[in-house]
C-alpha atoms as a PDB file:
ATOM      1  CA  UNK A   1     -93.293 -69.379  30.855  1.00  0.00           C
ATOM      2  CA  UNK A   2     -92.137 -72.788  29.504  1.00  0.00           C
ATOM      3  CA  UNK A   3     -93.336 -74.374  26.177  1.00  0.00           C
ATOM      4  CA  UNK A   4     -92.526 -76.737  24.205  1.00  0.00           C
ATOM      5  CA  UNK A   5     -94.066 -77.057  21.172  1.00  0.00           C
ATOM      6  CA  UNK A   6     -94.364 -80.573  18.876  1.00  0.00           C
ATOM      7  CA  UNK A   7     -94.927 -80.737  15.414  1.00  0.00           C
ATOM      8  CA  UNK A   8     -94.790 -83.148  12.520  1.00  0.00           C
ATOM      9  CA  UNK A   9     -96.937 -86.270  13.833  1.00  0.00           C
ATOM     10  CA  UNK A  10     -99.258 -87.825  11.197  1.00  0.00           C
ATOM     11  CA  UNK A  11    -100.347 -90.683   9.441  1.00  0.00           C
ATOM     12  CA  UNK A  12     -97.519 -92.693   7.214  1.00  0.00           C
ATOM     13  CA  UNK A  13     -97.576 -96.257   5.886  1.00  0.00           C
ATOM     14  CA  UNK A  14     -95.607 -99.093   7.355  1.00  0.00           C
ATOM     15  CA  UNK A  15     -91.796 -98.864   6.153  1.00  0.00           C
ATOM     16  CA  UNK A  16     -92.231 -95.035   5.566  1.00  0.00           C
ATOM     17  CA  UNK A  17     -90.547 -91.894   7.446  1.00  0.00           C
ATOM     18  CA  UNK A  18     -91.205 -88.913   9.710  1.00  0.00           C
ATOM     19  CA  UNK A  19     -89.547 -86.278  11.254  1.00  0.00           C
ATOM     20  CA  UNK A  20     -90.774 -84.659  14.569  1.00  0.00           C
ATOM     21  CA  UNK A  21     -89.593 -81.487  15.912  1.00  0.00           C
ATOM     22  CA  UNK A  22     -89.729 -79.676  19.279  1.00  0.00           C
ATOM     23  CA  UNK A  23     -89.216 -75.697  19.941  1.00  0.00           C
ATOM     24  CA  UNK A  24     -88.872 -74.922  23.350  1.00  0.00           C
ATOM     25  CA  UNK A  25     -89.197 -71.696  24.640  1.00  0.00           C
ATOM     26  CA  UNK A  26     -88.877 -70.069  28.297  1.00  0.00           C
ATOM     27  CA  UNK A  27     -85.496 -72.287  29.141  1.00  0.00           C
ATOM     28  CA  UNK A  28     -81.951 -72.020  28.706  1.00  0.00           C
ATOM     29  CA  UNK A  29     -82.122 -74.546  26.038  1.00  0.00           C
ATOM     30  CA  UNK A  30     -78.308 -76.034  26.250  1.00  0.00           C
ATOM     31  CA  UNK A  31     -78.563 -76.508  30.141  1.00  0.00           C
ATOM     32  CA  UNK A  32     -81.689 -79.221  29.376  1.00  0.00           C
ATOM     33  CA  UNK A  33     -81.261 -82.689  28.650  1.00  0.00           C
ATOM     34  CA  UNK A  34     -83.788 -83.598  25.988  1.00  0.00           C
ATOM     35  CA  UNK A  35     -85.588 -86.627  24.824  1.00  0.00           C
ATOM     36  CA  UNK A  36     -88.653 -88.147  23.308  1.00  0.00           C
ATOM     37  CA  UNK A  37     -91.008 -90.510  24.783  1.00  0.00           C
ATOM     38  CA  UNK A  38     -94.253 -92.121  23.611  1.00  0.00           C
ATOM     39  CA  UNK A  39     -97.393 -93.388  24.698  1.00  0.00           C
ATOM     40  CA  UNK A  40     -99.484 -95.912  22.840  1.00  0.00           C
ATOM     41  CA  UNK A  41    -103.192 -96.574  23.756  1.00  0.00           C
ATOM     42  CA  UNK A  42    -103.375 -98.905  27.151  1.00  0.00           C
ATOM     43  CA  UNK A  43     -99.395 -98.807  27.365  1.00  0.00           C
ATOM     44  CA  UNK A  44     -97.320 -96.993  29.683  1.00  0.00           C
ATOM     45  CA  UNK A  45     -95.402 -93.647  28.608  1.00  0.00           C
ATOM     46  CA  UNK A  46     -91.950 -95.131  27.471  1.00  0.00           C
ATOM     47  CA  UNK A  47     -88.337 -93.584  26.671  1.00  0.00           C
ATOM     48  CA  UNK A  48     -87.706 -93.906  22.807  1.00  0.00           C
ATOM     49  CA  UNK A  49     -84.538 -91.667  22.762  1.00  0.00           C
ATOM     50  CA  UNK A  50     -82.392 -88.823  24.957  1.00  0.00           C
ATOM     51  CA  UNK A  51     -79.326 -87.244  25.106  1.00  0.00           C
ATOM     52  CA  UNK A  52     -77.660 -88.275  28.288  1.00  0.00           C
ATOM     53  CA  UNK A  53     -75.038 -86.801  30.525  1.00  0.00           C
ATOM     54  CA  UNK A  54     -72.251 -87.962  28.802  1.00  0.00           C
ATOM     55  CA  UNK A  55     -73.202 -86.075  25.577  1.00  0.00           C
ATOM     56  CA  UNK A  56     -74.301 -89.034  24.081  1.00  0.00           C
ATOM     57  CA  UNK A  57     -77.533 -90.370  23.232  1.00  0.00           C
ATOM     58  CA  UNK A  58     -79.769 -93.655  24.291  1.00  0.00           C
ATOM     59  CA  UNK A  59     -82.351 -95.575  22.646  1.00  0.00           C
ATOM     60  CA  UNK A  60     -84.981 -97.954  22.930  1.00  0.00           C
ATOM     61  CA  UNK A  61     -84.045-101.475  21.770  1.00  0.00           C
ATOM     62  CA  UNK A  62     -87.319-101.417  19.614  1.00  0.00           C
ATOM     63  CA  UNK A  63     -85.958 -98.103  17.589  1.00  0.00           C
ATOM     64  CA  UNK A  64     -82.129 -98.605  17.496  1.00  0.00           C
ATOM     65  CA  UNK A  65     -80.904 -98.260  13.791  1.00  0.00           C
ATOM     66  CA  UNK A  66     -84.403 -96.538  12.730  1.00  0.00           C
ATOM     67  CA  UNK A  67     -84.928 -93.372  14.800  1.00  0.00           C
ATOM     68  CA  UNK A  68     -82.391 -90.869  15.212  1.00  0.00           C
ATOM     69  CA  UNK A  69     -82.462 -87.776  17.728  1.00  0.00           C
ATOM     70  CA  UNK A  70     -80.470 -84.664  17.369  1.00  0.00           C
ATOM     71  CA  UNK A  71     -81.148 -81.034  18.171  1.00  0.00           C
ATOM     72  CA  UNK A  72     -79.920 -77.791  17.222  1.00  0.00           C
ATOM     73  CA  UNK A  73     -79.046 -75.086  20.225  1.00  0.00           C
ATOM     74  CA  UNK A  74     -79.142 -72.024  17.949  1.00  0.00           C
ATOM     75  CA  UNK A  75     -82.806 -73.043  17.034  1.00  0.00           C
ATOM     76  CA  UNK A  76     -83.794 -74.101  20.473  1.00  0.00           C
ATOM     77  CA  UNK A  77     -85.273 -77.358  19.212  1.00  0.00           C
ATOM     78  CA  UNK A  78     -85.207 -81.039  19.639  1.00  0.00           C
ATOM     79  CA  UNK A  79     -85.766 -83.746  16.374  1.00  0.00           C
ATOM     80  CA  UNK A  80     -86.314 -87.464  16.171  1.00  0.00           C
ATOM     81  CA  UNK A  81     -85.994 -88.488  12.532  1.00  0.00           C
ATOM     82  CA  UNK A  82     -88.064 -91.873  12.290  1.00  0.00           C
ATOM     83  CA  UNK A  83     -87.661 -94.155   9.386  1.00  0.00           C
ATOM     84  CA  UNK A  84     -88.448 -97.575   8.551  1.00  0.00           C
ATOM     85  CA  UNK A  85     -91.729 -97.129  10.448  1.00  0.00           C
ATOM     86  CA  UNK A  86     -93.530 -99.698  11.750  1.00  0.00           C
ATOM     87  CA  UNK A  87     -97.543-100.424  13.051  1.00  0.00           C
ATOM     88  CA  UNK A  88     -96.207-100.641  16.692  1.00  0.00           C
ATOM     89  CA  UNK A  89     -94.543 -97.483  16.804  1.00  0.00           C
ATOM     90  CA  UNK A  90     -97.789 -95.926  16.707  1.00  0.00           C
ATOM     91  CA  UNK A  91     -98.234 -93.349  19.580  1.00  0.00           C
ATOM     92  CA  UNK A  92     -98.540 -89.979  20.927  1.00  0.00           C
ATOM     93  CA  UNK A  93     -94.719 -88.920  21.014  1.00  0.00           C
ATOM     94  CA  UNK A  94     -93.889 -86.499  23.544  1.00  0.00           C
ATOM     95  CA  UNK A  95     -90.878 -84.196  24.155  1.00  0.00           C
ATOM     96  CA  UNK A  96     -89.123 -83.861  27.380  1.00  0.00           C
ATOM     97  CA  UNK A  97     -86.820 -81.226  29.054  1.00  0.00           C
ATOM     98  CA  UNK A  98     -85.361 -81.787  32.498  1.00  0.00           C
ATOM     99  CA  UNK A  99     -82.535 -80.407  34.433  1.00  0.00           C
ATOM    100  CA  UNK A 100     -81.031 -79.999  37.872  1.00  0.00           C
ATOM    101  CA  UNK A 101     -80.192 -76.297  38.381  1.00  0.00           C
ATOM    102  CA  UNK A 102     -78.511 -75.542  41.704  1.00  0.00           C
ATOM    103  CA  UNK A 103     -80.047 -78.403  43.331  1.00  0.00           C
ATOM    104  CA  UNK A 104     -83.850 -77.838  41.890  1.00  0.00           C
ATOM    105  CA  UNK A 105     -84.798 -80.246  39.431  1.00  0.00           C
ATOM    106  CA  UNK A 106     -86.930 -79.168  36.320  1.00  0.00           C
ATOM    107  CA  UNK A 107     -89.179 -81.466  34.039  1.00  0.00           C
ATOM    108  CA  UNK A 108     -91.320 -80.514  31.598  1.00  0.00           C
ATOM    109  CA  UNK A 109     -93.538 -82.008  28.928  1.00  0.00           C
ATOM    110  CA  UNK A 110     -94.686 -81.185  25.460  1.00  0.00           C
ATOM    111  CA  UNK A 111     -98.414 -81.629  24.478  1.00  0.00           C
ATOM    112  CA  UNK A 112     -97.717 -84.516  22.310  1.00  0.00           C
ATOM    113  CA  UNK A 113     -98.039 -85.349  18.634  1.00  0.00           C
ATOM    114  CA  UNK A 114     -99.704 -88.301  17.303  1.00  0.00           C
ATOM    115  CA  UNK A 115     -97.844 -90.736  14.858  1.00  0.00           C
ATOM    116  CA  UNK A 116     -99.802 -93.481  13.380  1.00  0.00           C
ATOM    117  CA  UNK A 117     -98.042 -95.806  11.109  1.00  0.00           C
ATOM    118  CA  UNK A 118    -101.061 -98.039   9.260  1.00  0.00           C
ATOM    119  CA  UNK A 119    -101.641 -98.983   5.403  1.00  0.00           C
END
């Protein structure tokens, strides 16, 4: 059974920092492209940060220079370090794992972690 479990969300003041973690189980972690998405109330889910197929990273323009995605393949965990947080970063953050293995597309989501940026 595949599980992606996010942790590290919470309430933070503008300008503060949080680090989200996503622990994966039930998959061969190194096979998967890992990413973070978010969904604010009344808005569509959007990409925040992802590892691309070339081994690099892609970020939403709104978070470039403030957020950093990283992964630890030994711990089957992906992280999102969020600095200089703004009220507009308030959203539910979702971890995503996807891969194409032998022509089959696999796509998994975590349950989400609430991040609220408010004074």
